[in-house]
Amino acid sequence: MAASNDITPRGIAPGLSPLGTWLAESLRVTAFPLPTLQPPTQPEWWSEIVGSPPEKQTVDRKSAQYLEEGEVQMGKLVLAVLPGRIDWSLVPPAAVGDKFPSVGSFLDSLAFFKELMLRWFEKAPQSWRLAFGAVLLLPVQDRRSGYEKLSLYLPSVQLDAKGSSEFSYQINRPRPSRSGISGLEINRLSKWSVSARQAWEIGPISPGGSPPLVRQTYPEPPTACRLELDINTTQVSPTELQADKVIVVFKEVIELGIEIVLKGDVQ
């Protein structure tokens, strides 16, 4: 299934990178159904939006949890139905050697994932909160060049690129929604850091035991700026977020995530 890419960048701040150069380690959409609604125990959503059945299904009736997963065009799609929330996630099928695991470029994977989610919202139970999450990677030469890059995205932070390590910066910059829903704000949570790729491989099997996982540290590990996004709506009256507004708000949280990737930590 080919995705129609309707995600059009509206401009990149000087020195920052276009959407296509960021890799998506994972993408997530979370919907919080109305408390009065109980999602079906085994919904047919997967087959309806993907066009084929999932490869794996897990039902835990005791905890009221339902899980489906399977390979799709850009990676592995996971549906988790939990009490009070529904999560759709697009994740890599598996780690590959010393490369950062990803589902492809942020631009392409988001277009694909967004198309699937728009189909699902046409069938989804009415929700009173929505969230969009992403873990993104921007490959750089080394830690110092990563910090220098992050400095461009974080204008309010003085970062000593040469003499610093273990840097992590997290901030939430709420913004009123443009949807017209009274009192609705959108939290714009972003977390910035620089990470080096490390892999876990299967070690030798000990007598009578299972093979342990051994972390492999590479002589010159691939390094990347890491951006974690959680764009989520605040609580509003359940009657406010009607079906016709859900799509509007969903597109808005996506756009706010894109804005952070393009412009960095802005008000």
C-alpha atoms as a PDB file:
ATOM      1  CA  MET A   1       0.000   0.000   0.000  1.00  0.00           C
ATOM      2  CA  ALA A   2       1.566   3.261  -1.076  1.00  0.00           C
ATOM      3  CA  ALA A   3       1.240   6.270   1.173  1.00  0.00           C
ATOM      4  CA  SER A   4       0.254   9.634  -0.230  1.00  0.00           C
ATOM      5  CA  ASN A   5       2.681  12.174   1.165  1.00  0.00           C
ATOM      6  CA  ASP A   6       0.653  15.260   2.057  1.00  0.00           C
ATOM      7  CA  ILE A   7       3.077  16.403   4.750  1.00  0.00           C
ATOM      8  CA  THR A   8       4.513  19.603   3.329  1.00  0.00           C
ATOM      9  CA  PRO A   9       7.305  21.336   5.286  1.00  0.00           C
ATOM     10  CA  ARG A  10       6.555  25.021   5.743  1.00  0.00           C
ATOM     11  CA  GLY A  11      10.093  26.188   6.243  1.00  0.00           C
ATOM     12  CA  ILE A  12      13.271  25.238   8.057  1.00  0.00           C
ATOM     13  CA  ALA A  13      15.126  27.478  10.469  1.00  0.00           C
ATOM     14  CA  PRO A  14      18.712  28.366   9.411  1.00  0.00           C
ATOM     15  CA  GLY A  15      21.187  25.556  10.055  1.00  0.00           C
ATOM     16  CA  LEU A  16      18.515  22.981  10.865  1.00  0.00           C
ATOM     17  CA  SER A  17      17.834  19.793   8.924  1.00  0.00           C
ATOM     18  CA  PRO A  18      14.883  18.950   6.662  1.00  0.00           C
ATOM     19  CA  LEU A  19      12.356  16.318   7.718  1.00  0.00           C
ATOM     20  CA  GLY A  20      13.738  13.769   5.281  1.00  0.00           C
ATOM     21  CA  THR A  21      17.125  13.623   7.036  1.00  0.00           C
ATOM     22  CA  TRP A  22      15.587  12.573  10.362  1.00  0.00           C
ATOM     23  CA  LEU A  23      15.053   8.851  10.916  1.00  0.00           C
ATOM     24  CA  ALA A  24      11.982   7.614  12.757  1.00  0.00           C
ATOM     25  CA  GLU A  25      12.828   5.032  15.389  1.00  0.00           C
ATOM     26  CA  SER A  26       9.144   4.751  16.251  1.00  0.00           C
ATOM     27  CA  LEU A  27       5.815   6.521  15.816  1.00  0.00           C
ATOM     28  CA  ARG A  28       2.771   6.286  18.068  1.00  0.00           C
ATOM     29  CA  VAL A  29      -0.825   7.477  18.194  1.00  0.00           C
ATOM     30  CA  THR A  30      -2.820   7.120  21.416  1.00  0.00           C
ATOM     31  CA  ALA A  31      -6.557   7.629  21.803  1.00  0.00           C
ATOM     32  CA  PHE A  32      -8.386   7.720  25.127  1.00  0.00           C
ATOM     33  CA  PRO A  33     -11.990   6.547  24.537  1.00  0.00           C
ATOM     34  CA  LEU A  34     -14.825   8.035  26.527  1.00  0.00           C
ATOM     35  CA  PRO A  35     -15.111   6.321  29.928  1.00  0.00           C
ATOM     36  CA  THR A  36     -18.654   5.285  29.047  1.00  0.00           C
ATOM     37  CA  LEU A  37     -17.457   3.397  25.960  1.00  0.00           C
ATOM     38  CA  GLN A  38     -15.956  -0.068  26.087  1.00  0.00           C
ATOM     39  CA  PRO A  39     -13.893  -0.981  22.986  1.00  0.00           C
ATOM     40  CA  PRO A  40     -14.663  -4.437  21.568  1.00  0.00           C
ATOM     41  CA  THR A  41     -12.703  -7.316  23.074  1.00  0.00           C
ATOM     42  CA  GLN A  42     -11.390  -8.330  19.651  1.00  0.00           C
ATOM     43  CA  PRO A  43     -11.899  -5.394  17.269  1.00  0.00           C
ATOM     44  CA  GLU A  44     -11.699  -5.777  13.497  1.00  0.00           C
ATOM     45  CA  TRP A  45      -9.776  -2.516  13.085  1.00  0.00           C
ATOM     46  CA  TRP A  46      -6.520  -4.083  11.918  1.00  0.00           C
ATOM     47  CA  SER A  47      -7.941  -5.954   8.940  1.00  0.00           C
ATOM     48  CA  GLU A  48     -10.119  -2.995   8.013  1.00  0.00           C
ATOM     49  CA  ILE A  49      -7.318  -0.433   7.812  1.00  0.00           C
ATOM     50  CA  VAL A  50      -4.364  -2.635   6.779  1.00  0.00           C
ATOM     51  CA  GLY A  51      -6.266  -4.859   4.367  1.00  0.00           C
ATOM     52  CA  SER A  52      -4.968  -8.146   5.757  1.00  0.00           C
ATOM     53  CA  PRO A  53      -5.123  -9.924   9.131  1.00  0.00           C
ATOM     54  CA  PRO A  54      -2.400  -9.397  11.761  1.00  0.00           C
ATOM     55  CA  GLU A  55       0.363 -11.953  12.113  1.00  0.00           C
ATOM     56  CA  LYS A  56      -0.043 -12.236  15.882  1.00  0.00           C
ATOM     57  CA  GLN A  57      -2.899 -11.753  18.333  1.00  0.00           C
ATOM     58  CA  THR A  58      -2.736 -11.853  22.121  1.00  0.00           C
ATOM     59  CA  VAL A  59      -5.794 -11.652  24.367  1.00  0.00           C
ATOM     60  CA  ASP A  60      -5.509 -11.267  28.137  1.00  0.00           C
ATOM     61  CA  ARG A  61      -9.100 -11.336  29.365  1.00  0.00           C
ATOM     62  CA  LYS A  62      -8.099 -11.042  33.010  1.00  0.00           C
ATOM     63  CA  SER A  63      -6.454  -7.644  32.504  1.00  0.00           C
ATOM     64  CA  ALA A  64      -8.723  -6.687  29.576  1.00  0.00           C
ATOM     65  CA  GLN A  65      -5.764  -6.233  27.228  1.00  0.00           C
ATOM     66  CA  TYR A  66      -5.659  -7.049  23.535  1.00  0.00           C
ATOM     67  CA  LEU A  67      -2.575  -6.968  21.278  1.00  0.00           C
ATOM     68  CA  GLU A  68      -2.155  -7.355  17.528  1.00  0.00           C
ATOM     69  CA  GLU A  69       1.008  -6.986  15.473  1.00  0.00           C
ATOM     70  CA  GLY A  70       2.345  -7.655  12.017  1.00  0.00           C
ATOM     71  CA  GLU A  71       4.700  -6.520   9.276  1.00  0.00           C
ATOM     72  CA  VAL A  72       3.602  -3.603   7.106  1.00  0.00           C
ATOM     73  CA  GLN A  73       5.275  -1.566   4.401  1.00  0.00           C
ATOM     74  CA  MET A  74       7.420   0.611   6.702  1.00  0.00           C
ATOM     75  CA  GLY A  75       8.116  -1.780   9.592  1.00  0.00           C
ATOM     76  CA  LYS A  76       6.014  -3.520  12.253  1.00  0.00           C
ATOM     77  CA  LEU A  77       2.597  -2.193  13.235  1.00  0.00           C
ATOM     78  CA  VAL A  78       1.373  -2.830  16.778  1.00  0.00           C
ATOM     79  CA  LEU A  79      -2.155  -2.300  18.123  1.00  0.00           C
ATOM     80  CA  ALA A  80      -2.608  -2.387  21.895  1.00  0.00           C
ATOM     81  CA  VAL A  81      -6.083  -2.043  23.388  1.00  0.00           C
ATOM     82  CA  LEU A  82      -5.799  -1.368  27.115  1.00  0.00           C
ATOM     83  CA  PRO A  83      -8.317  -0.277  29.733  1.00  0.00           C
ATOM     84  CA  GLY A  84      -8.936   3.393  29.039  1.00  0.00           C
ATOM     85  CA  ARG A  85      -6.583   3.767  26.048  1.00  0.00           C
ATOM     86  CA  ILE A  86      -5.775   2.502  22.567  1.00  0.00           C
ATOM     87  CA  ASP A  87      -2.214   2.636  21.167  1.00  0.00           C
ATOM     88  CA  TRP A  88      -1.093   2.249  17.567  1.00  0.00           C
ATOM     89  CA  SER A  89       2.682   2.069  17.103  1.00  0.00           C
ATOM     90  CA  LEU A  90       4.960   1.768  14.084  1.00  0.00           C
ATOM     91  CA  VAL A  91       8.286   0.240  15.103  1.00  0.00           C
ATOM     92  CA  PRO A  92      11.294  -1.365  13.370  1.00  0.00           C
ATOM     93  CA  PRO A  93      10.964  -5.105  12.715  1.00  0.00           C
ATOM     94  CA  ALA A  94      14.416  -5.752  14.253  1.00  0.00           C
ATOM     95  CA  ALA A  95      17.769  -4.124  14.957  1.00  0.00           C
ATOM     96  CA  VAL A  96      20.268  -4.412  12.106  1.00  0.00           C
ATOM     97  CA  GLY A  97      23.952  -4.657  13.052  1.00  0.00           C
ATOM     98  CA  ASP A  98      25.514  -1.364  14.047  1.00  0.00           C
ATOM     99  CA  LYS A  99      22.850   0.765  12.366  1.00  0.00           C
ATOM    100  CA  PHE A 100      20.230   2.706  14.247  1.00  0.00           C
ATOM    101  CA  PRO A 101      16.921   0.817  14.111  1.00  0.00           C
ATOM    102  CA  SER A 102      14.302   2.837  12.249  1.00  0.00           C
ATOM    103  CA  VAL A 103      11.193   2.628  10.118  1.00  0.00           C
ATOM    104  CA  GLY A 104      12.762   4.922   7.522  1.00  0.00           C
ATOM    105  CA  SER A 105      12.824   8.665   7.140  1.00  0.00           C
ATOM    106  CA  PHE A 106      10.483  10.672   9.350  1.00  0.00           C
ATOM    107  CA  LEU A 107       8.904  12.261   6.289  1.00  0.00           C
ATOM    108  CA  ASP A 108       8.026   8.984   4.563  1.00  0.00           C
ATOM    109  CA  SER A 109       7.110   6.934   7.627  1.00  0.00           C
ATOM    110  CA  LEU A 110       4.891   9.696   9.022  1.00  0.00           C
ATOM    111  CA  ALA A 111       3.008  10.003   5.721  1.00  0.00           C
ATOM    112  CA  PHE A 112       2.405   6.239   5.740  1.00  0.00           C
ATOM    113  CA  PHE A 113       1.413   6.108   9.421  1.00  0.00           C
ATOM    114  CA  LYS A 114      -0.822   9.163   9.172  1.00  0.00           C
ATOM    115  CA  GLU A 115      -2.765   7.617   6.299  1.00  0.00           C
ATOM    116  CA  LEU A 116      -3.429   4.467   8.337  1.00  0.00           C
ATOM    117  CA  MET A 117      -4.547   6.468  11.360  1.00  0.00           C
ATOM    118  CA  LEU A 118      -6.909   8.635   9.338  1.00  0.00           C
ATOM    119  CA  ARG A 119      -8.620   5.431   8.186  1.00  0.00           C
ATOM    120  CA  TRP A 120      -8.827   4.188  11.746  1.00  0.00           C
ATOM    121  CA  PHE A 121     -10.337   7.388  13.164  1.00  0.00           C
ATOM    122  CA  GLU A 122     -13.271   6.874  10.809  1.00  0.00           C
ATOM    123  CA  LYS A 123     -14.034   3.660  12.749  1.00  0.00           C
ATOM    124  CA  ALA A 124     -12.601   4.449  16.187  1.00  0.00           C
ATOM    125  CA  PRO A 125     -14.697   4.901  19.325  1.00  0.00           C
ATOM    126  CA  GLN A 126     -15.239   8.500  20.390  1.00  0.00           C
ATOM    127  CA  SER A 127     -12.246   9.773  22.360  1.00  0.00           C
ATOM    128  CA  TRP A 128     -11.771  12.598  24.822  1.00  0.00           C
ATOM    129  CA  ARG A 129      -7.973  12.870  24.536  1.00  0.00           C
ATOM    130  CA  LEU A 130      -5.419  12.235  21.769  1.00  0.00           C
ATOM    131  CA  ALA A 131      -1.630  11.975  21.657  1.00  0.00           C
ATOM    132  CA  PHE A 132       1.063  11.695  19.001  1.00  0.00           C
ATOM    133  CA  GLY A 133       4.472  10.338  19.976  1.00  0.00           C
ATOM    134  CA  ALA A 134       7.702   9.860  18.051  1.00  0.00           C
ATOM    135  CA  VAL A 135      11.320   8.949  18.650  1.00  0.00           C
ATOM    136  CA  LEU A 136      13.502  10.530  15.976  1.00  0.00           C
ATOM    137  CA  LEU A 137      17.201  10.304  15.145  1.00  0.00           C
ATOM    138  CA  LEU A 138      19.442  12.677  13.202  1.00  0.00           C
ATOM    139  CA  PRO A 139      22.782  10.965  12.395  1.00  0.00           C
ATOM    140  CA  VAL A 140      25.889  13.039  13.175  1.00  0.00           C
ATOM    141  CA  GLN A 141      29.633  12.441  13.077  1.00  0.00           C
ATOM    142  CA  ASP A 142      30.262  12.260  16.815  1.00  0.00           C
ATOM    143  CA  ARG A 143      29.052  13.491  20.213  1.00  0.00           C
ATOM    144  CA  ARG A 144      30.586  16.945  19.870  1.00  0.00           C
ATOM    145  CA  SER A 145      29.044  17.571  16.452  1.00  0.00           C
ATOM    146  CA  GLY A 146      25.760  16.282  17.885  1.00  0.00           C
ATOM    147  CA  TYR A 147      25.855  18.853  20.678  1.00  0.00           C
ATOM    148  CA  GLU A 148      26.728  21.564  18.203  1.00  0.00           C
ATOM    149  CA  LYS A 149      23.682  20.560  16.175  1.00  0.00           C
ATOM    150  CA  LEU A 150      21.430  20.480  19.225  1.00  0.00           C
ATOM    151  CA  SER A 151      22.541  24.016  20.106  1.00  0.00           C
ATOM    152  CA  LEU A 152      20.829  25.195  16.921  1.00  0.00           C
ATOM    153  CA  TYR A 153      17.586  23.545  17.993  1.00  0.00           C
ATOM    154  CA  LEU A 154      17.748  24.811  21.567  1.00  0.00           C
ATOM    155  CA  PRO A 155      18.278  28.590  21.379  1.00  0.00           C
ATOM    156  CA  SER A 156      17.471  29.105  25.072  1.00  0.00           C
ATOM    157  CA  VAL A 157      20.130  26.610  26.234  1.00  0.00           C
ATOM    158  CA  GLN A 158      23.853  27.314  26.514  1.00  0.00           C
ATOM    159  CA  LEU A 159      25.447  23.984  25.658  1.00  0.00           C
ATOM    160  CA  ASP A 160      29.218  23.498  25.898  1.00  0.00           C
ATOM    161  CA  ALA A 161      29.669  21.115  22.974  1.00  0.00           C
ATOM    162  CA  LYS A 162      33.350  20.463  23.687  1.00  0.00           C
ATOM    163  CA  GLY A 163      33.314  20.041  27.453  1.00  0.00           C
ATOM    164  CA  SER A 164      29.929  18.379  28.063  1.00  0.00           C
ATOM    165  CA  SER A 165      28.566  14.847  28.145  1.00  0.00           C
ATOM    166  CA  GLU A 166      25.363  13.047  29.194  1.00  0.00           C
ATOM    167  CA  PHE A 167      23.300  16.064  28.131  1.00  0.00           C
ATOM    168  CA  SER A 168      19.511  15.743  28.196  1.00  0.00           C
ATOM    169  CA  TYR A 169      16.961  18.542  27.900  1.00  0.00           C
ATOM    170  CA  GLN A 170      13.206  18.151  28.309  1.00  0.00           C
ATOM    171  CA  ILE A 171      10.540  20.813  28.124  1.00  0.00           C
ATOM    172  CA  ASN A 172       6.813  21.212  27.628  1.00  0.00           C
ATOM    173  CA  ARG A 173       5.503  24.282  25.816  1.00  0.00           C
ATOM    174  CA  PRO A 174       1.683  24.085  25.859  1.00  0.00           C
ATOM    175  CA  ARG A 175      -0.207  25.950  23.196  1.00  0.00           C
ATOM    176  CA  PRO A 176      -3.942  26.688  22.767  1.00  0.00           C
ATOM    177  CA  SER A 177      -5.571  24.485  20.160  1.00  0.00           C
ATOM    178  CA  ARG A 178      -6.715  26.067  16.905  1.00  0.00           C
ATOM    179  CA  SER A 179      -9.578  23.558  16.622  1.00  0.00           C
ATOM    180  CA  GLY A 180     -12.166  25.871  18.164  1.00  0.00           C
ATOM    181  CA  ILE A 181     -12.780  23.518  21.094  1.00  0.00           C
ATOM    182  CA  SER A 182     -13.300  25.628  24.197  1.00  0.00           C
ATOM    183  CA  GLY A 183     -10.453  25.396  26.713  1.00  0.00           C
ATOM    184  CA  LEU A 184      -8.445  22.824  24.760  1.00  0.00           C
ATOM    185  CA  GLU A 185      -4.660  23.115  25.047  1.00  0.00           C
ATOM    186  CA  ILE A 186      -2.045  20.906  23.448  1.00  0.00           C
ATOM    187  CA  ASN A 187       1.048  19.892  25.381  1.00  0.00           C
ATOM    188  CA  ARG A 188       4.187  20.050  23.248  1.00  0.00           C
ATOM    189  CA  LEU A 189       6.656  17.878  25.139  1.00  0.00           C
ATOM    190  CA  SER A 190      10.092  17.372  23.613  1.00  0.00           C
ATOM    191  CA  LYS A 191      13.213  15.681  24.959  1.00  0.00           C
ATOM    192  CA  TRP A 192      16.607  16.253  23.323  1.00  0.00           C
ATOM    193  CA  SER A 193      19.836  14.278  23.678  1.00  0.00           C
ATOM    194  CA  VAL A 194      22.705  12.691  21.739  1.00  0.00           C
ATOM    195  CA  SER A 195      23.067   8.925  21.705  1.00  0.00           C
ATOM    196  CA  ALA A 196      25.566   6.402  20.357  1.00  0.00           C
ATOM    197  CA  ARG A 197      24.348   3.148  18.844  1.00  0.00           C
ATOM    198  CA  GLN A 198      24.875   0.064  20.968  1.00  0.00           C
ATOM    199  CA  ALA A 199      23.609  -3.386  20.127  1.00  0.00           C
ATOM    200  CA  TRP A 200      22.615  -6.388  22.163  1.00  0.00           C
ATOM    201  CA  GLU A 201      23.704  -9.720  20.745  1.00  0.00           C
ATOM    202  CA  ILE A 202      23.233 -13.288  21.920  1.00  0.00           C
ATOM    203  CA  GLY A 203      26.215 -14.546  23.889  1.00  0.00           C
ATOM    204  CA  PRO A 204      27.434 -18.125  24.457  1.00  0.00           C
ATOM    205  CA  ILE A 205      25.000 -20.522  26.082  1.00  0.00           C
ATOM    206  CA  SER A 206      25.948 -21.575  29.607  1.00  0.00           C
ATOM    207  CA  PRO A 207      25.283 -25.169  30.714  1.00  0.00           C
ATOM    208  CA  GLY A 208      21.658 -25.551  31.700  1.00  0.00           C
ATOM    209  CA  GLY A 209      20.850 -21.927  30.980  1.00  0.00           C
ATOM    210  CA  SER A 210      19.566 -19.670  28.223  1.00  0.00           C
ATOM    211  CA  PRO A 211      21.914 -17.556  26.101  1.00  0.00           C
ATOM    212  CA  PRO A 212      22.615 -14.172  27.722  1.00  0.00           C
ATOM    213  CA  LEU A 213      22.431 -10.863  25.916  1.00  0.00           C
ATOM    214  CA  VAL A 214      25.801  -9.192  25.505  1.00  0.00           C
ATOM    215  CA  ARG A 215      26.038  -5.488  24.723  1.00  0.00           C
ATOM    216  CA  GLN A 216      28.374  -4.725  21.845  1.00  0.00           C
ATOM    217  CA  THR A 217      30.083  -1.319  21.913  1.00  0.00           C
ATOM    218  CA  TYR A 218      31.517  -0.351  18.547  1.00  0.00           C
ATOM    219  CA  PRO A 219      34.979   1.300  18.214  1.00  0.00           C
ATOM    220  CA  GLU A 220      33.376   4.200  16.338  1.00  0.00           C
ATOM    221  CA  PRO A 221      29.677   3.844  17.180  1.00  0.00           C
ATOM    222  CA  PRO A 222      27.145   5.596  14.980  1.00  0.00           C
ATOM    223  CA  THR A 223      25.968   8.722  16.782  1.00  0.00           C
ATOM    224  CA  ALA A 224      22.752  10.700  16.412  1.00  0.00           C
ATOM    225  CA  CYS A 225      20.804  13.572  17.878  1.00  0.00           C
ATOM    226  CA  ARG A 226      17.755  12.042  19.547  1.00  0.00           C
ATOM    227  CA  LEU A 227      14.396  13.774  19.767  1.00  0.00           C
ATOM    228  CA  GLU A 228      11.467  12.276  21.678  1.00  0.00           C
ATOM    229  CA  LEU A 229       8.092  13.892  21.078  1.00  0.00           C
ATOM    230  CA  ASP A 230       4.856  13.591  23.034  1.00  0.00           C
ATOM    231  CA  ILE A 231       2.219  15.932  21.646  1.00  0.00           C
ATOM    232  CA  ASN A 232      -0.993  15.429  23.610  1.00  0.00           C
ATOM    233  CA  THR A 233      -4.252  17.200  24.312  1.00  0.00           C
ATOM    234  CA  THR A 234      -5.367  18.332  27.730  1.00  0.00           C
ATOM    235  CA  GLN A 235      -8.583  17.064  29.287  1.00  0.00           C
ATOM    236  CA  VAL A 236     -11.811  18.635  28.055  1.00  0.00           C
ATOM    237  CA  SER A 237     -15.470  17.843  28.493  1.00  0.00           C
ATOM    238  CA  PRO A 238     -16.247  14.504  26.793  1.00  0.00           C
ATOM    239  CA  THR A 239     -18.944  16.233  24.774  1.00  0.00           C
ATOM    240  CA  GLU A 240     -16.441  18.682  23.241  1.00  0.00           C
ATOM    241  CA  LEU A 241     -14.268  16.289  21.210  1.00  0.00           C
ATOM    242  CA  GLN A 242     -16.914  15.062  18.793  1.00  0.00           C
ATOM    243  CA  ALA A 243     -16.130  12.766  15.877  1.00  0.00           C
ATOM    244  CA  ASP A 244     -15.837  15.636  13.390  1.00  0.00           C
ATOM    245  CA  LYS A 245     -13.310  17.374  15.663  1.00  0.00           C
ATOM    246  CA  VAL A 246     -11.141  14.308  16.309  1.00  0.00           C
ATOM    247  CA  ILE A 247      -9.648  14.388  12.815  1.00  0.00           C
ATOM    248  CA  VAL A 248      -9.007  18.128  13.112  1.00  0.00           C
ATOM    249  CA  VAL A 249      -7.192  17.697  16.433  1.00  0.00           C
ATOM    250  CA  PHE A 250      -5.267  14.664  15.157  1.00  0.00           C
ATOM    251  CA  LYS A 251      -3.918  16.661  12.215  1.00  0.00           C
ATOM    252  CA  GLU A 252      -3.060  19.521  14.569  1.00  0.00           C
ATOM    253  CA  VAL A 253      -0.939  17.398  16.930  1.00  0.00           C
ATOM    254  CA  ILE A 254       0.915  16.007  13.890  1.00  0.00           C
ATOM    255  CA  GLU A 255       1.606  19.529  12.605  1.00  0.00           C
ATOM    256  CA  LEU A 256       2.880  20.655  16.012  1.00  0.00           C
ATOM    257  CA  GLY A 257       5.281  17.713  16.081  1.00  0.00           C
ATOM    258  CA  ILE A 258       6.558  18.599  12.621  1.00  0.00           C
ATOM    259  CA  GLU A 259       7.047  22.215  13.717  1.00  0.00           C
ATOM    260  CA  ILE A 260       9.388  21.133  16.544  1.00  0.00           C
ATOM    261  CA  VAL A 261      11.437  18.986  14.154  1.00  0.00           C
ATOM    262  CA  LEU A 262      11.745  21.874  11.694  1.00  0.00           C
ATOM    263  CA  LYS A 263      12.247  24.760  14.109  1.00  0.00           C
ATOM    264  CA  GLY A 264      13.438  23.270  17.395  1.00  0.00           C
ATOM    265  CA  ASP A 265      12.324  24.428  20.840  1.00  0.00           C
ATOM    266  CA  VAL A 266      10.080  27.380  19.990  1.00  0.00           C
ATOM    267  CA  GLN A 267       7.233  28.972  21.948  1.00  0.00           C
END
